[in-house]
N, C-alpha and C. Protein backbone atom coordinates (compact mmCIF):
# COMPACT_ATOMS: atom_id res chain seq x y z
N UNK A 1 167.29 -64.84 58.21
CA UNK A 1 168.01 -63.82 58.95
C UNK A 1 167.13 -62.61 59.20
N UNK A 2 166.41 -62.15 58.19
CA UNK A 2 165.52 -61.01 58.37
C UNK A 2 164.44 -61.30 59.40
N UNK A 3 163.97 -62.53 59.44
CA UNK A 3 162.94 -62.91 60.39
C UNK A 3 163.44 -62.69 61.83
N UNK A 4 164.70 -63.03 62.09
CA UNK A 4 165.30 -62.85 63.40
C UNK A 4 165.39 -61.38 63.78
N UNK A 5 165.68 -60.53 62.82
CA UNK A 5 165.77 -59.09 63.08
C UNK A 5 164.41 -58.55 63.49
N UNK A 6 163.36 -58.96 62.77
CA UNK A 6 162.02 -58.49 63.09
C UNK A 6 161.58 -58.98 64.47
N UNK A 7 161.91 -60.22 64.79
CA UNK A 7 161.56 -60.76 66.10
C UNK A 7 162.27 -59.98 67.20
N UNK A 8 163.54 -59.67 67.00
CA UNK A 8 164.28 -58.88 67.99
C UNK A 8 163.70 -57.49 68.13
N UNK A 9 163.32 -56.86 67.02
CA UNK A 9 162.70 -55.53 67.06
C UNK A 9 161.38 -55.58 67.81
N UNK A 10 160.57 -56.62 67.52
CA UNK A 10 159.29 -56.76 68.20
C UNK A 10 159.49 -56.91 69.71
N UNK A 11 160.45 -57.73 70.10
CA UNK A 11 160.73 -57.92 71.53
C UNK A 11 161.22 -56.63 72.17
N UNK A 12 162.06 -55.90 71.46
CA UNK A 12 162.57 -54.64 71.99
C UNK A 12 161.44 -53.62 72.13
N UNK A 13 160.56 -53.56 71.13
CA UNK A 13 159.43 -52.64 71.19
C UNK A 13 158.49 -53.01 72.34
N UNK A 14 158.27 -54.30 72.51
CA UNK A 14 157.41 -54.77 73.59
C UNK A 14 158.02 -54.43 74.95
N UNK A 15 159.30 -54.66 75.11
CA UNK A 15 159.99 -54.34 76.36
C UNK A 15 159.94 -52.85 76.65
N UNK A 16 160.12 -52.04 75.61
CA UNK A 16 160.05 -50.58 75.78
C UNK A 16 158.65 -50.17 76.22
N UNK A 17 157.64 -50.80 75.64
CA UNK A 17 156.27 -50.48 76.01
C UNK A 17 156.00 -50.83 77.47
N UNK A 18 156.45 -52.00 77.93
CA UNK A 18 156.28 -52.40 79.32
C UNK A 18 157.00 -51.42 80.26
N UNK A 19 158.20 -51.02 79.88
CA UNK A 19 158.94 -50.04 80.70
C UNK A 19 158.17 -48.73 80.78
N UNK A 20 157.57 -48.33 79.67
CA UNK A 20 156.80 -47.08 79.63
C UNK A 20 155.58 -47.18 80.57
N UNK A 21 154.88 -48.30 80.55
CA UNK A 21 153.73 -48.48 81.44
C UNK A 21 154.18 -48.50 82.90
N UNK A 22 155.30 -49.16 83.19
CA UNK A 22 155.86 -49.15 84.55
C UNK A 22 156.19 -47.73 84.97
N UNK A 23 156.80 -46.97 84.07
CA UNK A 23 157.19 -45.59 84.37
C UNK A 23 155.97 -44.72 84.65
N UNK A 24 154.89 -44.92 83.89
CA UNK A 24 153.66 -44.16 84.12
C UNK A 24 153.12 -44.43 85.52
N UNK A 25 153.04 -45.71 85.86
CA UNK A 25 152.51 -46.08 87.17
C UNK A 25 153.43 -45.58 88.28
N UNK A 26 154.72 -45.75 88.11
CA UNK A 26 155.68 -45.28 89.12
C UNK A 26 155.54 -43.78 89.33
N UNK A 27 155.42 -43.03 88.24
CA UNK A 27 155.28 -41.57 88.34
C UNK A 27 154.00 -41.20 89.08
N UNK A 28 152.90 -41.87 88.79
CA UNK A 28 151.64 -41.59 89.49
C UNK A 28 151.78 -41.89 90.97
N UNK A 29 152.42 -43.01 91.31
CA UNK A 29 152.61 -43.35 92.72
C UNK A 29 153.53 -42.35 93.41
N UNK A 30 154.56 -41.93 92.74
CA UNK A 30 155.54 -41.01 93.34
C UNK A 30 154.99 -39.61 93.53
N UNK A 31 154.18 -39.15 92.59
CA UNK A 31 153.66 -37.79 92.71
C UNK A 31 152.44 -37.72 93.62
N UNK A 32 152.15 -38.85 94.26
CA UNK A 32 151.01 -38.92 95.17
C UNK A 32 149.74 -38.47 94.45
N UNK A 33 149.60 -38.96 93.25
CA UNK A 33 148.42 -38.65 92.44
C UNK A 33 147.17 -39.17 93.14
N UNK A 34 146.03 -38.72 92.65
CA UNK A 34 144.78 -39.21 93.23
C UNK A 34 144.66 -40.70 92.95
N UNK A 35 143.91 -41.38 93.80
CA UNK A 35 143.73 -42.81 93.62
C UNK A 35 143.04 -43.12 92.29
N UNK A 36 142.21 -42.19 91.82
CA UNK A 36 141.58 -42.37 90.50
C UNK A 36 142.64 -42.48 89.42
N UNK A 37 143.62 -41.57 89.44
CA UNK A 37 144.68 -41.57 88.44
C UNK A 37 145.55 -42.81 88.56
N UNK A 38 145.86 -43.20 89.79
CA UNK A 38 146.66 -44.40 90.02
C UNK A 38 145.91 -45.63 89.52
N UNK A 39 144.60 -45.69 89.80
CA UNK A 39 143.80 -46.83 89.37
C UNK A 39 143.79 -46.96 87.85
N UNK A 40 143.70 -45.83 87.14
CA UNK A 40 143.70 -45.86 85.68
C UNK A 40 145.05 -46.36 85.17
N UNK A 41 146.14 -45.81 85.72
CA UNK A 41 147.49 -46.23 85.30
C UNK A 41 147.71 -47.72 85.60
N UNK A 42 147.25 -48.16 86.77
CA UNK A 42 147.40 -49.56 87.13
C UNK A 42 146.55 -50.45 86.21
N UNK A 43 145.35 -49.99 85.89
CA UNK A 43 144.49 -50.74 84.98
C UNK A 43 145.12 -50.92 83.62
N UNK A 44 145.76 -49.85 83.13
CA UNK A 44 146.45 -49.94 81.83
C UNK A 44 147.59 -50.94 81.90
N UNK A 45 148.33 -50.91 83.01
CA UNK A 45 149.44 -51.84 83.17
C UNK A 45 148.93 -53.28 83.30
N UNK A 46 147.86 -53.48 84.06
CA UNK A 46 147.30 -54.82 84.23
C UNK A 46 146.78 -55.39 82.91
N UNK A 47 146.20 -54.52 82.12
CA UNK A 47 145.64 -54.96 80.84
C UNK A 47 146.72 -55.59 79.98
N UNK A 48 147.92 -55.06 80.09
CA UNK A 48 149.04 -55.53 79.28
C UNK A 48 149.79 -56.66 79.98
N UNK A 49 150.14 -56.44 81.23
CA UNK A 49 151.00 -57.36 81.97
C UNK A 49 150.27 -58.54 82.60
N UNK A 50 149.04 -58.31 83.07
CA UNK A 50 148.36 -59.34 83.83
C UNK A 50 146.86 -59.31 83.55
N UNK A 51 146.47 -59.66 82.34
CA UNK A 51 145.04 -59.61 82.00
C UNK A 51 144.19 -60.54 82.87
N UNK A 52 144.79 -61.62 83.39
CA UNK A 52 144.04 -62.54 84.25
C UNK A 52 143.63 -61.84 85.54
N UNK A 53 144.52 -61.06 86.15
CA UNK A 53 144.19 -60.32 87.37
C UNK A 53 143.16 -59.24 87.05
N UNK A 54 143.30 -58.56 85.94
CA UNK A 54 142.33 -57.56 85.53
C UNK A 54 140.94 -58.19 85.36
N UNK A 55 140.89 -59.38 84.79
CA UNK A 55 139.61 -60.07 84.62
C UNK A 55 139.00 -60.44 85.97
N UNK A 56 139.83 -60.88 86.92
CA UNK A 56 139.32 -61.20 88.26
C UNK A 56 138.72 -59.96 88.92
N UNK A 57 139.36 -58.81 88.71
CA UNK A 57 138.85 -57.56 89.26
C UNK A 57 137.48 -57.26 88.65
N UNK A 58 137.38 -57.39 87.34
CA UNK A 58 136.10 -57.16 86.66
C UNK A 58 135.04 -58.14 87.12
N UNK A 59 135.42 -59.40 87.30
CA UNK A 59 134.47 -60.43 87.74
C UNK A 59 133.91 -60.13 89.13
N UNK A 60 134.66 -59.40 89.93
CA UNK A 60 134.20 -59.01 91.26
C UNK A 60 133.26 -57.80 91.20
N UNK A 61 133.06 -57.26 90.00
CA UNK A 61 132.16 -56.12 89.84
C UNK A 61 132.84 -54.78 90.02
N UNK A 62 134.16 -54.77 90.11
CA UNK A 62 134.90 -53.53 90.26
C UNK A 62 135.02 -52.87 88.89
N UNK A 63 134.71 -51.59 88.84
CA UNK A 63 134.78 -50.81 87.60
C UNK A 63 135.89 -49.77 87.71
N UNK A 64 136.12 -49.05 86.64
CA UNK A 64 137.12 -47.98 86.66
C UNK A 64 136.75 -46.96 87.74
N UNK A 65 135.46 -46.69 87.88
CA UNK A 65 135.01 -45.69 88.86
C UNK A 65 135.16 -46.18 90.30
N UNK A 66 134.99 -47.48 90.53
CA UNK A 66 135.07 -47.99 91.90
C UNK A 66 136.46 -48.55 92.24
N UNK A 67 137.33 -48.65 91.25
CA UNK A 67 138.67 -49.23 91.47
C UNK A 67 139.47 -48.59 92.61
N UNK A 68 139.39 -47.26 92.81
CA UNK A 68 140.14 -46.70 93.94
C UNK A 68 139.78 -47.32 95.29
N UNK A 69 138.57 -47.87 95.42
CA UNK A 69 138.18 -48.52 96.67
C UNK A 69 139.06 -49.72 96.98
N UNK A 70 139.63 -50.36 95.94
CA UNK A 70 140.52 -51.50 96.18
C UNK A 70 141.71 -51.11 97.04
N UNK A 71 142.17 -49.86 96.92
CA UNK A 71 143.32 -49.41 97.69
C UNK A 71 142.98 -49.27 99.18
N UNK A 72 141.70 -49.18 99.50
CA UNK A 72 141.28 -49.09 100.89
C UNK A 72 140.67 -50.39 101.40
N UNK A 73 140.65 -51.42 100.57
CA UNK A 73 140.06 -52.71 100.97
C UNK A 73 140.70 -53.30 102.22
N UNK A 74 142.02 -53.18 102.43
CA UNK A 74 142.58 -53.73 103.68
C UNK A 74 141.97 -53.07 104.93
N UNK A 75 141.61 -51.81 104.83
CA UNK A 75 140.97 -51.12 105.96
C UNK A 75 139.62 -51.77 106.26
N UNK A 76 138.88 -52.07 105.20
CA UNK A 76 137.57 -52.71 105.34
C UNK A 76 137.75 -54.11 105.93
N UNK A 77 138.77 -54.81 105.49
CA UNK A 77 139.03 -56.17 105.99
C UNK A 77 139.28 -56.14 107.49
N UNK A 78 140.05 -55.17 107.96
CA UNK A 78 140.31 -55.06 109.40
C UNK A 78 139.01 -54.70 110.14
N UNK A 79 138.22 -53.82 109.56
CA UNK A 79 136.96 -53.43 110.20
C UNK A 79 136.04 -54.63 110.41
N UNK A 80 136.06 -55.60 109.49
CA UNK A 80 135.21 -56.79 109.57
C UNK A 80 135.87 -57.92 110.39
N UNK A 81 137.05 -57.71 110.94
CA UNK A 81 137.80 -58.79 111.59
C UNK A 81 137.01 -59.50 112.68
N UNK A 82 136.19 -58.77 113.41
CA UNK A 82 135.46 -59.38 114.52
C UNK A 82 134.03 -59.79 114.13
N UNK A 83 133.75 -59.77 112.83
CA UNK A 83 132.45 -60.24 112.37
C UNK A 83 131.42 -59.15 112.14
N UNK A 84 131.69 -57.95 112.61
CA UNK A 84 130.81 -56.81 112.36
C UNK A 84 131.66 -55.54 112.40
N UNK A 85 131.11 -54.49 111.85
CA UNK A 85 131.82 -53.20 111.79
C UNK A 85 131.16 -52.24 112.77
N UNK A 86 131.94 -51.71 113.71
CA UNK A 86 131.41 -50.73 114.65
C UNK A 86 131.28 -49.38 113.95
N UNK A 87 130.50 -48.50 114.55
CA UNK A 87 130.35 -47.15 113.96
C UNK A 87 131.69 -46.42 113.95
N UNK A 88 132.52 -46.67 114.95
CA UNK A 88 133.84 -46.03 115.01
C UNK A 88 134.75 -46.54 113.88
N UNK A 89 134.71 -47.84 113.65
CA UNK A 89 135.51 -48.42 112.56
C UNK A 89 135.01 -47.91 111.21
N UNK A 90 133.70 -47.86 111.06
CA UNK A 90 133.08 -47.35 109.82
C UNK A 90 133.57 -45.93 109.54
N UNK A 91 133.50 -45.09 110.56
CA UNK A 91 133.92 -43.69 110.41
C UNK A 91 135.42 -43.61 110.11
N UNK A 92 136.22 -44.45 110.78
CA UNK A 92 137.67 -44.42 110.56
C UNK A 92 138.02 -44.82 109.13
N UNK A 93 137.38 -45.86 108.61
CA UNK A 93 137.66 -46.30 107.24
C UNK A 93 137.34 -45.19 106.25
N UNK A 94 136.17 -44.59 106.39
CA UNK A 94 135.77 -43.54 105.43
C UNK A 94 136.65 -42.29 105.57
N UNK A 95 137.03 -41.95 106.80
CA UNK A 95 137.92 -40.80 107.00
C UNK A 95 139.29 -41.05 106.36
N UNK A 96 139.84 -42.23 106.60
CA UNK A 96 141.15 -42.57 106.03
C UNK A 96 141.07 -42.64 104.51
N UNK A 97 139.97 -43.13 103.98
CA UNK A 97 139.80 -43.18 102.52
C UNK A 97 139.76 -41.76 101.95
N UNK A 98 139.06 -40.86 102.63
CA UNK A 98 139.01 -39.46 102.17
C UNK A 98 140.39 -38.82 102.24
N UNK A 99 141.14 -39.12 103.29
CA UNK A 99 142.50 -38.58 103.42
C UNK A 99 143.39 -39.07 102.28
N UNK A 100 143.04 -40.21 101.70
CA UNK A 100 143.82 -40.78 100.59
C UNK A 100 143.23 -40.41 99.23
N UNK A 101 142.26 -39.50 99.23
CA UNK A 101 141.76 -38.96 97.97
C UNK A 101 140.48 -39.57 97.42
N UNK A 102 139.84 -40.43 98.19
CA UNK A 102 138.54 -40.97 97.75
C UNK A 102 137.47 -39.99 98.24
N UNK A 103 136.87 -39.29 97.31
CA UNK A 103 135.95 -38.21 97.66
C UNK A 103 134.58 -38.73 98.09
N UNK A 104 134.04 -38.08 99.11
CA UNK A 104 132.69 -38.38 99.58
C UNK A 104 131.73 -38.23 98.40
N UNK A 105 130.89 -39.22 98.20
CA UNK A 105 129.93 -39.17 97.11
C UNK A 105 130.41 -39.81 95.82
N UNK A 106 131.71 -40.10 95.72
CA UNK A 106 132.23 -40.73 94.51
C UNK A 106 131.80 -42.20 94.47
N UNK A 107 131.93 -42.81 93.30
CA UNK A 107 131.57 -44.23 93.16
C UNK A 107 132.43 -45.09 94.08
N UNK A 108 133.72 -44.75 94.21
CA UNK A 108 134.61 -45.52 95.09
C UNK A 108 134.19 -45.38 96.55
N UNK A 109 133.77 -44.19 96.95
CA UNK A 109 133.32 -43.95 98.32
C UNK A 109 132.05 -44.76 98.59
N UNK A 110 131.13 -44.75 97.64
CA UNK A 110 129.89 -45.54 97.79
C UNK A 110 130.22 -47.03 97.87
N UNK A 111 131.21 -47.47 97.07
CA UNK A 111 131.61 -48.89 97.12
C UNK A 111 132.13 -49.24 98.51
N UNK A 112 132.98 -48.39 99.07
CA UNK A 112 133.48 -48.63 100.42
C UNK A 112 132.34 -48.69 101.43
N UNK A 113 131.41 -47.77 101.30
CA UNK A 113 130.25 -47.76 102.21
C UNK A 113 129.47 -49.06 102.09
N UNK A 114 129.29 -49.55 100.87
CA UNK A 114 128.60 -50.83 100.67
C UNK A 114 129.37 -51.96 101.33
N UNK A 115 130.69 -51.97 101.15
CA UNK A 115 131.52 -53.02 101.75
C UNK A 115 131.48 -52.96 103.27
N UNK A 116 131.27 -51.78 103.83
CA UNK A 116 131.20 -51.65 105.29
C UNK A 116 129.83 -52.09 105.82
N UNK A 117 128.82 -52.07 104.97
CA UNK A 117 127.48 -52.55 105.36
C UNK A 117 127.35 -54.07 105.18
N UNK A 118 127.92 -54.56 104.09
CA UNK A 118 127.86 -55.99 103.79
C UNK A 118 129.27 -56.49 103.49
N UNK A 119 129.73 -57.45 104.27
CA UNK A 119 131.11 -57.91 104.14
C UNK A 119 131.38 -58.48 102.75
N UNK A 120 132.45 -57.97 102.12
CA UNK A 120 132.86 -58.53 100.82
C UNK A 120 133.42 -59.94 101.00
N UNK A 121 133.54 -60.63 99.90
CA UNK A 121 134.08 -61.99 99.93
C UNK A 121 135.59 -61.95 100.22
N UNK A 122 136.09 -63.08 100.72
CA UNK A 122 137.54 -63.20 100.91
C UNK A 122 138.26 -63.04 99.58
N UNK A 123 137.63 -63.48 98.50
CA UNK A 123 138.22 -63.35 97.17
C UNK A 123 138.46 -61.88 96.83
N UNK A 124 137.53 -61.02 97.22
CA UNK A 124 137.71 -59.59 96.96
C UNK A 124 138.91 -59.06 97.75
N UNK A 125 139.01 -59.44 99.02
CA UNK A 125 140.13 -58.98 99.84
C UNK A 125 141.46 -59.50 99.27
N UNK A 126 141.48 -60.78 98.87
CA UNK A 126 142.70 -61.36 98.30
C UNK A 126 143.09 -60.66 97.00
N UNK A 127 142.10 -60.38 96.17
CA UNK A 127 142.37 -59.71 94.89
C UNK A 127 142.87 -58.29 95.13
N UNK A 128 142.27 -57.59 96.09
CA UNK A 128 142.72 -56.23 96.41
C UNK A 128 144.17 -56.24 96.87
N UNK A 129 144.53 -57.21 97.71
CA UNK A 129 145.92 -57.31 98.17
C UNK A 129 146.85 -57.58 97.00
N UNK A 130 146.42 -58.43 96.09
CA UNK A 130 147.24 -58.72 94.91
C UNK A 130 147.42 -57.48 94.04
N UNK A 131 146.36 -56.69 93.91
CA UNK A 131 146.44 -55.44 93.14
C UNK A 131 147.44 -54.48 93.79
N UNK A 132 147.37 -54.36 95.10
CA UNK A 132 148.32 -53.49 95.81
C UNK A 132 149.75 -53.96 95.61
N UNK A 133 149.97 -55.27 95.79
CA UNK A 133 151.32 -55.82 95.59
C UNK A 133 151.80 -55.55 94.17
N UNK A 134 150.93 -55.75 93.23
CA UNK A 134 151.28 -55.56 91.82
C UNK A 134 151.65 -54.10 91.55
N UNK A 135 150.86 -53.19 92.09
CA UNK A 135 151.17 -51.77 91.92
C UNK A 135 152.48 -51.37 92.57
N UNK A 136 152.72 -51.88 93.76
CA UNK A 136 153.95 -51.53 94.47
C UNK A 136 155.18 -52.19 93.86
N UNK A 137 154.99 -53.21 93.05
CA UNK A 137 156.12 -53.94 92.49
C UNK A 137 157.00 -53.08 91.58
N UNK A 138 156.48 -51.97 91.09
CA UNK A 138 157.27 -51.10 90.22
C UNK A 138 158.15 -50.14 91.01
N UNK A 139 157.96 -50.07 92.31
CA UNK A 139 158.69 -49.12 93.14
C UNK A 139 160.00 -49.71 93.66
N UNK A 140 160.98 -48.84 93.91
CA UNK A 140 162.20 -49.31 94.58
C UNK A 140 161.86 -49.87 95.96
N UNK A 141 162.68 -50.75 96.46
CA UNK A 141 162.41 -51.48 97.70
C UNK A 141 162.06 -50.56 98.87
N UNK A 142 162.81 -49.49 99.04
CA UNK A 142 162.58 -48.59 100.18
C UNK A 142 161.22 -47.90 100.07
N UNK A 143 160.89 -47.44 98.89
CA UNK A 143 159.61 -46.77 98.67
C UNK A 143 158.45 -47.76 98.83
N UNK A 144 158.64 -48.97 98.35
CA UNK A 144 157.65 -50.02 98.50
C UNK A 144 157.40 -50.29 99.98
N UNK A 145 158.47 -50.39 100.76
CA UNK A 145 158.35 -50.64 102.20
C UNK A 145 157.60 -49.51 102.89
N UNK A 146 157.83 -48.27 102.47
CA UNK A 146 157.13 -47.12 103.04
C UNK A 146 155.64 -47.20 102.76
N UNK A 147 155.28 -47.57 101.53
CA UNK A 147 153.86 -47.68 101.14
C UNK A 147 153.17 -48.77 101.95
N UNK A 148 153.84 -49.89 102.10
CA UNK A 148 153.26 -51.00 102.86
C UNK A 148 153.09 -50.59 104.32
N UNK A 149 154.08 -49.92 104.88
CA UNK A 149 154.00 -49.46 106.27
C UNK A 149 152.84 -48.49 106.45
N UNK A 150 152.61 -47.62 105.47
CA UNK A 150 151.50 -46.67 105.55
C UNK A 150 150.15 -47.41 105.56
N UNK A 151 150.03 -48.45 104.75
CA UNK A 151 148.78 -49.23 104.73
C UNK A 151 148.59 -49.94 106.07
N UNK A 152 149.65 -50.55 106.57
CA UNK A 152 149.56 -51.28 107.84
C UNK A 152 149.22 -50.30 108.97
N UNK A 153 149.82 -49.11 108.96
CA UNK A 153 149.51 -48.10 109.98
C UNK A 153 148.04 -47.69 109.91
N UNK A 154 147.53 -47.49 108.70
CA UNK A 154 146.12 -47.11 108.54
C UNK A 154 145.22 -48.24 109.01
N UNK A 155 145.58 -49.48 108.70
CA UNK A 155 144.81 -50.64 109.17
C UNK A 155 144.80 -50.70 110.69
N UNK A 156 145.95 -50.42 111.29
CA UNK A 156 146.06 -50.41 112.75
C UNK A 156 145.16 -49.33 113.35
N UNK A 157 145.08 -48.20 112.67
CA UNK A 157 144.22 -47.11 113.13
C UNK A 157 142.75 -47.56 113.13
N UNK A 158 142.36 -48.29 112.11
CA UNK A 158 140.99 -48.82 112.06
C UNK A 158 140.79 -49.81 113.21
N UNK A 159 141.76 -50.68 113.44
CA UNK A 159 141.66 -51.68 114.49
C UNK A 159 141.52 -51.03 115.87
N UNK A 160 142.16 -49.90 116.06
CA UNK A 160 142.11 -49.22 117.35
C UNK A 160 140.89 -48.32 117.50
N UNK A 161 140.17 -48.10 116.42
CA UNK A 161 139.08 -47.13 116.42
C UNK A 161 137.97 -47.43 117.41
N UNK A 162 137.65 -48.69 117.61
CA UNK A 162 136.51 -49.01 118.47
C UNK A 162 136.93 -49.27 119.91
N UNK A 163 138.14 -48.89 120.27
CA UNK A 163 138.59 -49.09 121.64
C UNK A 163 138.93 -50.53 121.89
N UNK A 164 138.98 -50.91 123.12
CA UNK A 164 139.34 -52.29 123.41
C UNK A 164 138.75 -52.78 124.70
N UNK A 165 137.74 -52.08 125.15
CA UNK A 165 137.08 -52.55 126.36
C UNK A 165 137.81 -52.11 127.62
N UNK A 166 137.44 -52.74 128.70
CA UNK A 166 137.92 -52.37 130.03
C UNK A 166 139.42 -52.51 130.18
N UNK A 167 140.00 -53.61 129.68
CA UNK A 167 141.45 -53.81 129.83
C UNK A 167 142.23 -52.68 129.16
N UNK A 168 141.78 -52.24 128.01
CA UNK A 168 142.46 -51.16 127.31
C UNK A 168 142.33 -49.86 128.10
N UNK A 169 141.14 -49.59 128.62
CA UNK A 169 140.92 -48.37 129.39
C UNK A 169 141.79 -48.33 130.65
N UNK A 170 142.02 -49.48 131.23
CA UNK A 170 142.85 -49.56 132.44
C UNK A 170 144.34 -49.61 132.12
N UNK A 171 144.67 -49.63 130.83
CA UNK A 171 146.07 -49.69 130.44
C UNK A 171 146.66 -51.07 130.58
N UNK A 172 145.82 -52.08 130.68
CA UNK A 172 146.29 -53.45 130.89
C UNK A 172 146.31 -54.27 129.60
N UNK A 173 145.86 -53.71 128.55
CA UNK A 173 145.80 -54.46 127.30
C UNK A 173 145.80 -53.51 126.12
N UNK A 174 145.72 -54.09 124.97
CA UNK A 174 145.71 -53.31 123.75
C UNK A 174 144.28 -53.12 123.27
N UNK A 175 144.06 -52.08 122.49
CA UNK A 175 142.72 -51.86 121.94
C UNK A 175 142.50 -52.66 120.67
N UNK A 176 143.49 -53.44 120.28
CA UNK A 176 143.38 -54.27 119.09
C UNK A 176 143.08 -55.71 119.52
N UNK A 177 141.97 -56.24 119.02
CA UNK A 177 141.58 -57.60 119.38
C UNK A 177 142.51 -58.62 118.72
N UNK A 178 142.44 -59.84 119.19
CA UNK A 178 143.28 -60.88 118.60
C UNK A 178 142.88 -61.14 117.15
N UNK A 179 141.58 -61.03 116.82
CA UNK A 179 141.13 -61.20 115.44
C UNK A 179 141.71 -60.10 114.54
N UNK A 180 141.65 -58.87 115.05
CA UNK A 180 142.20 -57.74 114.29
C UNK A 180 143.71 -57.88 114.12
N UNK A 181 144.37 -58.28 115.19
CA UNK A 181 145.82 -58.47 115.14
C UNK A 181 146.20 -59.53 114.10
N UNK A 182 145.43 -60.60 114.05
CA UNK A 182 145.68 -61.66 113.08
C UNK A 182 145.51 -61.15 111.65
N UNK A 183 144.47 -60.37 111.41
CA UNK A 183 144.24 -59.80 110.07
C UNK A 183 145.35 -58.81 109.73
N UNK A 184 145.75 -57.98 110.69
CA UNK A 184 146.85 -57.03 110.45
C UNK A 184 148.12 -57.76 110.05
N UNK A 185 148.46 -58.83 110.77
CA UNK A 185 149.65 -59.61 110.45
C UNK A 185 149.54 -60.23 109.05
N UNK A 186 148.36 -60.75 108.74
CA UNK A 186 148.15 -61.37 107.44
C UNK A 186 148.30 -60.35 106.30
N UNK A 187 147.73 -59.17 106.47
CA UNK A 187 147.84 -58.12 105.45
C UNK A 187 149.31 -57.74 105.25
N UNK A 188 150.01 -57.51 106.36
CA UNK A 188 151.42 -57.12 106.27
C UNK A 188 152.25 -58.21 105.57
N UNK A 189 152.04 -59.47 105.94
CA UNK A 189 152.78 -60.58 105.32
C UNK A 189 152.48 -60.66 103.83
N UNK A 190 151.20 -60.56 103.49
CA UNK A 190 150.80 -60.67 102.09
C UNK A 190 151.42 -59.57 101.25
N UNK A 191 151.38 -58.34 101.72
CA UNK A 191 151.92 -57.22 100.96
C UNK A 191 153.45 -57.27 100.84
N UNK A 192 154.08 -57.83 101.85
CA UNK A 192 155.56 -57.90 101.83
C UNK A 192 156.09 -59.09 101.03
N UNK A 193 155.23 -60.10 100.85
CA UNK A 193 155.64 -61.31 100.14
C UNK A 193 155.96 -60.96 98.69
N UNK A 194 157.01 -61.57 98.20
CA UNK A 194 157.39 -61.34 96.80
C UNK A 194 156.36 -61.94 95.87
N UNK A 195 156.15 -61.25 94.78
CA UNK A 195 155.17 -61.72 93.79
C UNK A 195 155.68 -62.91 93.04
């Protein structure tokens, strides 16, 4: 009988701890904390809840200092949609990253710059999307939808950054290529999909 009491206490303590980690991450997301702070809170939660995902992040070479770059990885993915990154797309990604709190000269900023020079693996993009989904999973549905919409809007801004050629200038087409549109749709679907 005593053994059952201890097991119940352990389970209750564990559940309370998970709720506390969720609350920390939720608070960081809600207060629009810096991406550095959000990355630390998410890392703590991953260490407990999903060590396999945390290990995949580490295996990709992402560190605590570069982790905020994962939040801007979908922007990089859109920039590479057509096989190369234009100077306009490059500038748009870095500007949007700075607007989201990734400081010029920081390790995360340098990581983004590296990713814009040399295309990261699909595994990195997939892992980044999973990290975003995991982080947003602690939010209420409406707030989660707002965060996803903000990412998709930023991705769309990157897609439109390099113009769209003659058809776009004449108002006969969109400045988003079919490759970019496909990546945008994929990012939106992935982020909205239930974990």
